[in-house]
């Protein structure tokens, strides 16, 4: 005889399998908005270590060195302006608008930032992740 705890376990297991199946079926282009939105949000909140997690290791350290120690940098706004996917939807170029000021100045500067992202698959069970492959430009 099957008791209620067994039924709950089976139900949870089936829901988990269904969710895993849906995640692996998502195409890279469908996964991109989540990563891009998280990157933008973390920069707005000055969460540089969190934003750096969206970068390949080769550019991550430089980004953290320039931003994490810059207590004078204040980001007013950081938004996505335009997104262009490659033909195979595994690379994307994103143009952002960054509004910021550097203390002690209160003059807001506006920069247009171009970042390249690449989709990196990990294995068959995990859908993969989008990572920024270009250095974040120096701010004047």
C-alpha atoms as a PDB file:
ATOM      1  CA  UNK A   1       0.000   0.000   0.000  1.00  0.00           C
ATOM      2  CA  UNK A   2       1.264   3.473  -0.884  1.00  0.00           C
ATOM      3  CA  UNK A   3       1.097   6.082   1.869  1.00  0.00           C
ATOM      4  CA  UNK A   4       0.827   9.851   1.513  1.00  0.00           C
ATOM      5  CA  UNK A   5       4.550  10.536   2.015  1.00  0.00           C
ATOM      6  CA  UNK A   6       5.341   8.246  -0.928  1.00  0.00           C
ATOM      7  CA  UNK A   7       2.791  10.046  -3.087  1.00  0.00           C
ATOM      8  CA  UNK A   8       4.259  13.427  -2.163  1.00  0.00           C
ATOM      9  CA  UNK A   9       7.750  12.208  -2.982  1.00  0.00           C
ATOM     10  CA  UNK A  10       6.582  10.912  -6.374  1.00  0.00           C
ATOM     11  CA  UNK A  11       4.749  14.172  -7.103  1.00  0.00           C
ATOM     12  CA  UNK A  12       7.786  16.297  -6.195  1.00  0.00           C
ATOM     13  CA  UNK A  13      10.039  14.058  -8.278  1.00  0.00           C
ATOM     14  CA  UNK A  14       7.743  14.322 -11.332  1.00  0.00           C
ATOM     15  CA  UNK A  15       7.542  18.120 -11.068  1.00  0.00           C
ATOM     16  CA  UNK A  16      11.342  18.314 -10.748  1.00  0.00           C
ATOM     17  CA  UNK A  17      11.831  16.141 -13.834  1.00  0.00           C
ATOM     18  CA  UNK A  18       9.351  18.265 -15.776  1.00  0.00           C
ATOM     19  CA  UNK A  19      11.117  21.496 -14.822  1.00  0.00           C
ATOM     20  CA  UNK A  20      14.518  20.058 -15.750  1.00  0.00           C
ATOM     21  CA  UNK A  21      13.128  18.941 -19.080  1.00  0.00           C
ATOM     22  CA  UNK A  22      11.774  22.402 -19.846  1.00  0.00           C
ATOM     23  CA  UNK A  23      15.041  24.082 -18.912  1.00  0.00           C
ATOM     24  CA  UNK A  24      17.092  21.925 -21.237  1.00  0.00           C
ATOM     25  CA  UNK A  25      14.688  22.571 -24.089  1.00  0.00           C
ATOM     26  CA  UNK A  26      15.085  26.347 -23.910  1.00  0.00           C
ATOM     27  CA  UNK A  27      17.050  27.842 -26.747  1.00  0.00           C
ATOM     28  CA  UNK A  28      19.986  30.169 -26.008  1.00  0.00           C
ATOM     29  CA  UNK A  29      18.063  33.179 -27.319  1.00  0.00           C
ATOM     30  CA  UNK A  30      15.319  32.506 -24.741  1.00  0.00           C
ATOM     31  CA  UNK A  31      17.838  32.377 -21.892  1.00  0.00           C
ATOM     32  CA  UNK A  32      19.613  35.635 -22.758  1.00  0.00           C
ATOM     33  CA  UNK A  33      17.165  38.166 -21.256  1.00  0.00           C
ATOM     34  CA  UNK A  34      17.538  36.724 -17.738  1.00  0.00           C
ATOM     35  CA  UNK A  35      21.331  37.098 -17.748  1.00  0.00           C
ATOM     36  CA  UNK A  36      21.319  40.536 -19.349  1.00  0.00           C
ATOM     37  CA  UNK A  37      18.659  41.869 -16.971  1.00  0.00           C
ATOM     38  CA  UNK A  38      20.538  40.528 -13.964  1.00  0.00           C
ATOM     39  CA  UNK A  39      23.795  42.130 -15.173  1.00  0.00           C
ATOM     40  CA  UNK A  40      22.070  45.494 -15.689  1.00  0.00           C
ATOM     41  CA  UNK A  41      20.357  45.326 -12.281  1.00  0.00           C
ATOM     42  CA  UNK A  42      23.584  44.464 -10.470  1.00  0.00           C
ATOM     43  CA  UNK A  43      25.459  47.375 -12.063  1.00  0.00           C
ATOM     44  CA  UNK A  44      22.661  49.771 -11.115  1.00  0.00           C
ATOM     45  CA  UNK A  45      22.902  48.548  -7.515  1.00  0.00           C
ATOM     46  CA  UNK A  46      26.713  48.797  -7.569  1.00  0.00           C
ATOM     47  CA  UNK A  47      26.967  45.042  -6.996  1.00  0.00           C
ATOM     48  CA  UNK A  48      30.195  44.668  -8.960  1.00  0.00           C
ATOM     49  CA  UNK A  49      31.031  41.129  -7.791  1.00  0.00           C
ATOM     50  CA  UNK A  50      27.544  40.016  -8.841  1.00  0.00           C
ATOM     51  CA  UNK A  51      27.837  41.743 -12.221  1.00  0.00           C
ATOM     52  CA  UNK A  52      31.276  40.195 -12.724  1.00  0.00           C
ATOM     53  CA  UNK A  53      29.762  36.713 -12.523  1.00  0.00           C
ATOM     54  CA  UNK A  54      28.327  37.413 -15.985  1.00  0.00           C
ATOM     55  CA  UNK A  55      31.848  37.735 -17.443  1.00  0.00           C
ATOM     56  CA  UNK A  56      34.403  35.227 -18.650  1.00  0.00           C
ATOM     57  CA  UNK A  57      37.361  34.860 -16.308  1.00  0.00           C
ATOM     58  CA  UNK A  58      39.706  36.634 -18.741  1.00  0.00           C
ATOM     59  CA  UNK A  59      37.882  39.967 -18.287  1.00  0.00           C
ATOM     60  CA  UNK A  60      36.353  39.465 -14.826  1.00  0.00           C
ATOM     61  CA  UNK A  61      39.443  40.380 -12.777  1.00  0.00           C
ATOM     62  CA  UNK A  62      40.076  43.606 -14.687  1.00  0.00           C
ATOM     63  CA  UNK A  63      36.447  44.632 -14.211  1.00  0.00           C
ATOM     64  CA  UNK A  64      36.574  43.955 -10.472  1.00  0.00           C
ATOM     65  CA  UNK A  65      39.861  45.816 -10.031  1.00  0.00           C
ATOM     66  CA  UNK A  66      38.530  48.914 -11.771  1.00  0.00           C
ATOM     67  CA  UNK A  67      35.052  49.002 -10.260  1.00  0.00           C
ATOM     68  CA  UNK A  68      35.040  47.326  -6.854  1.00  0.00           C
ATOM     69  CA  UNK A  69      37.651  49.710  -5.443  1.00  0.00           C
ATOM     70  CA  UNK A  70      36.215  52.857  -7.047  1.00  0.00           C
ATOM     71  CA  UNK A  71      34.251  54.410  -4.187  1.00  0.00           C
ATOM     72  CA  UNK A  72      33.880  57.680  -6.128  1.00  0.00           C
ATOM     73  CA  UNK A  73      31.847  56.120  -8.958  1.00  0.00           C
ATOM     74  CA  UNK A  74      28.088  56.624  -8.779  1.00  0.00           C
ATOM     75  CA  UNK A  75      25.901  55.015 -11.422  1.00  0.00           C
ATOM     76  CA  UNK A  76      22.773  57.007 -12.133  1.00  0.00           C
ATOM     77  CA  UNK A  77      21.365  54.614 -14.745  1.00  0.00           C
ATOM     78  CA  UNK A  78      22.467  51.650 -16.809  1.00  0.00           C
ATOM     79  CA  UNK A  79      20.107  50.389 -19.464  1.00  0.00           C
ATOM     80  CA  UNK A  80      19.989  48.211 -22.533  1.00  0.00           C
ATOM     81  CA  UNK A  81      19.666  50.166 -25.747  1.00  0.00           C
ATOM     82  CA  UNK A  82      19.919  47.533 -28.505  1.00  0.00           C
ATOM     83  CA  UNK A  83      20.491  43.766 -28.825  1.00  0.00           C
ATOM     84  CA  UNK A  84      21.732  41.989 -31.960  1.00  0.00           C
ATOM     85  CA  UNK A  85      21.991  38.198 -32.116  1.00  0.00           C
ATOM     86  CA  UNK A  86      24.294  36.355 -34.506  1.00  0.00           C
ATOM     87  CA  UNK A  87      22.774  34.107 -37.167  1.00  0.00           C
ATOM     88  CA  UNK A  88      23.223  31.012 -34.979  1.00  0.00           C
ATOM     89  CA  UNK A  89      21.966  32.848 -31.844  1.00  0.00           C
ATOM     90  CA  UNK A  90      25.064  31.871 -29.850  1.00  0.00           C
ATOM     91  CA  UNK A  91      26.668  35.331 -29.797  1.00  0.00           C
ATOM     92  CA  UNK A  92      25.058  38.656 -29.139  1.00  0.00           C
ATOM     93  CA  UNK A  93      26.180  42.269 -29.214  1.00  0.00           C
ATOM     94  CA  UNK A  94      24.469  44.547 -26.718  1.00  0.00           C
ATOM     95  CA  UNK A  95      24.622  48.333 -26.615  1.00  0.00           C
ATOM     96  CA  UNK A  96      24.023  49.852 -23.196  1.00  0.00           C
ATOM     97  CA  UNK A  97      23.711  53.435 -22.025  1.00  0.00           C
ATOM     98  CA  UNK A  98      25.584  54.234 -18.838  1.00  0.00           C
ATOM     99  CA  UNK A  99      24.922  57.439 -16.909  1.00  0.00           C
ATOM    100  CA  UNK A 100      27.328  58.080 -14.041  1.00  0.00           C
ATOM    101  CA  UNK A 101      29.333  60.658 -12.150  1.00  0.00           C
ATOM    102  CA  UNK A 102      32.605  60.559 -10.278  1.00  0.00           C
ATOM    103  CA  UNK A 103      32.801  62.293  -6.932  1.00  0.00           C
ATOM    104  CA  UNK A 104      33.483  65.052  -6.056  1.00  0.00           C
ATOM    105  CA  UNK A 105      31.899  66.145  -9.356  1.00  0.00           C
ATOM    106  CA  UNK A 106      28.122  66.102  -9.632  1.00  0.00           C
ATOM    107  CA  UNK A 107      28.143  66.330 -13.432  1.00  0.00           C
ATOM    108  CA  UNK A 108      26.424  63.304 -14.950  1.00  0.00           C
ATOM    109  CA  UNK A 109      28.258  61.779 -17.899  1.00  0.00           C
ATOM    110  CA  UNK A 110      26.663  59.515 -20.473  1.00  0.00           C
ATOM    111  CA  UNK A 111      28.529  56.724 -22.270  1.00  0.00           C
ATOM    112  CA  UNK A 112      27.424  54.225 -24.850  1.00  0.00           C
ATOM    113  CA  UNK A 113      28.858  50.800 -23.974  1.00  0.00           C
ATOM    114  CA  UNK A 114      29.184  47.882 -26.418  1.00  0.00           C
ATOM    115  CA  UNK A 115      29.487  44.404 -24.899  1.00  0.00           C
ATOM    116  CA  UNK A 116      29.737  41.034 -26.618  1.00  0.00           C
ATOM    117  CA  UNK A 117      28.174  37.969 -25.031  1.00  0.00           C
ATOM    118  CA  UNK A 118      28.647  34.306 -25.899  1.00  0.00           C
ATOM    119  CA  UNK A 119      26.537  31.288 -25.016  1.00  0.00           C
ATOM    120  CA  UNK A 120      28.550  28.572 -23.270  1.00  0.00           C
ATOM    121  CA  UNK A 121      27.072  25.113 -22.810  1.00  0.00           C
ATOM    122  CA  UNK A 122      28.095  23.141 -19.771  1.00  0.00           C
ATOM    123  CA  UNK A 123      26.514  19.709 -20.290  1.00  0.00           C
ATOM    124  CA  UNK A 124      23.354  18.051 -21.577  1.00  0.00           C
ATOM    125  CA  UNK A 125      21.453  18.473 -18.306  1.00  0.00           C
ATOM    126  CA  UNK A 126      22.237  22.168 -17.790  1.00  0.00           C
ATOM    127  CA  UNK A 127      21.051  24.535 -20.526  1.00  0.00           C
ATOM    128  CA  UNK A 128      24.203  26.676 -20.451  1.00  0.00           C
ATOM    129  CA  UNK A 129      24.898  30.305 -19.676  1.00  0.00           C
ATOM    130  CA  UNK A 130      25.555  33.603 -21.394  1.00  0.00           C
ATOM    131  CA  UNK A 131      28.852  35.323 -20.547  1.00  0.00           C
ATOM    132  CA  UNK A 132      30.347  38.689 -21.505  1.00  0.00           C
ATOM    133  CA  UNK A 133      33.548  38.137 -23.472  1.00  0.00           C
ATOM    134  CA  UNK A 134      34.724  41.734 -23.978  1.00  0.00           C
ATOM    135  CA  UNK A 135      36.315  44.064 -21.446  1.00  0.00           C
ATOM    136  CA  UNK A 136      34.118  46.711 -19.917  1.00  0.00           C
ATOM    137  CA  UNK A 137      35.451  50.009 -21.309  1.00  0.00           C
ATOM    138  CA  UNK A 138      37.417  52.462 -19.210  1.00  0.00           C
ATOM    139  CA  UNK A 139      35.365  55.403 -18.021  1.00  0.00           C
ATOM    140  CA  UNK A 140      36.835  58.839 -18.662  1.00  0.00           C
END
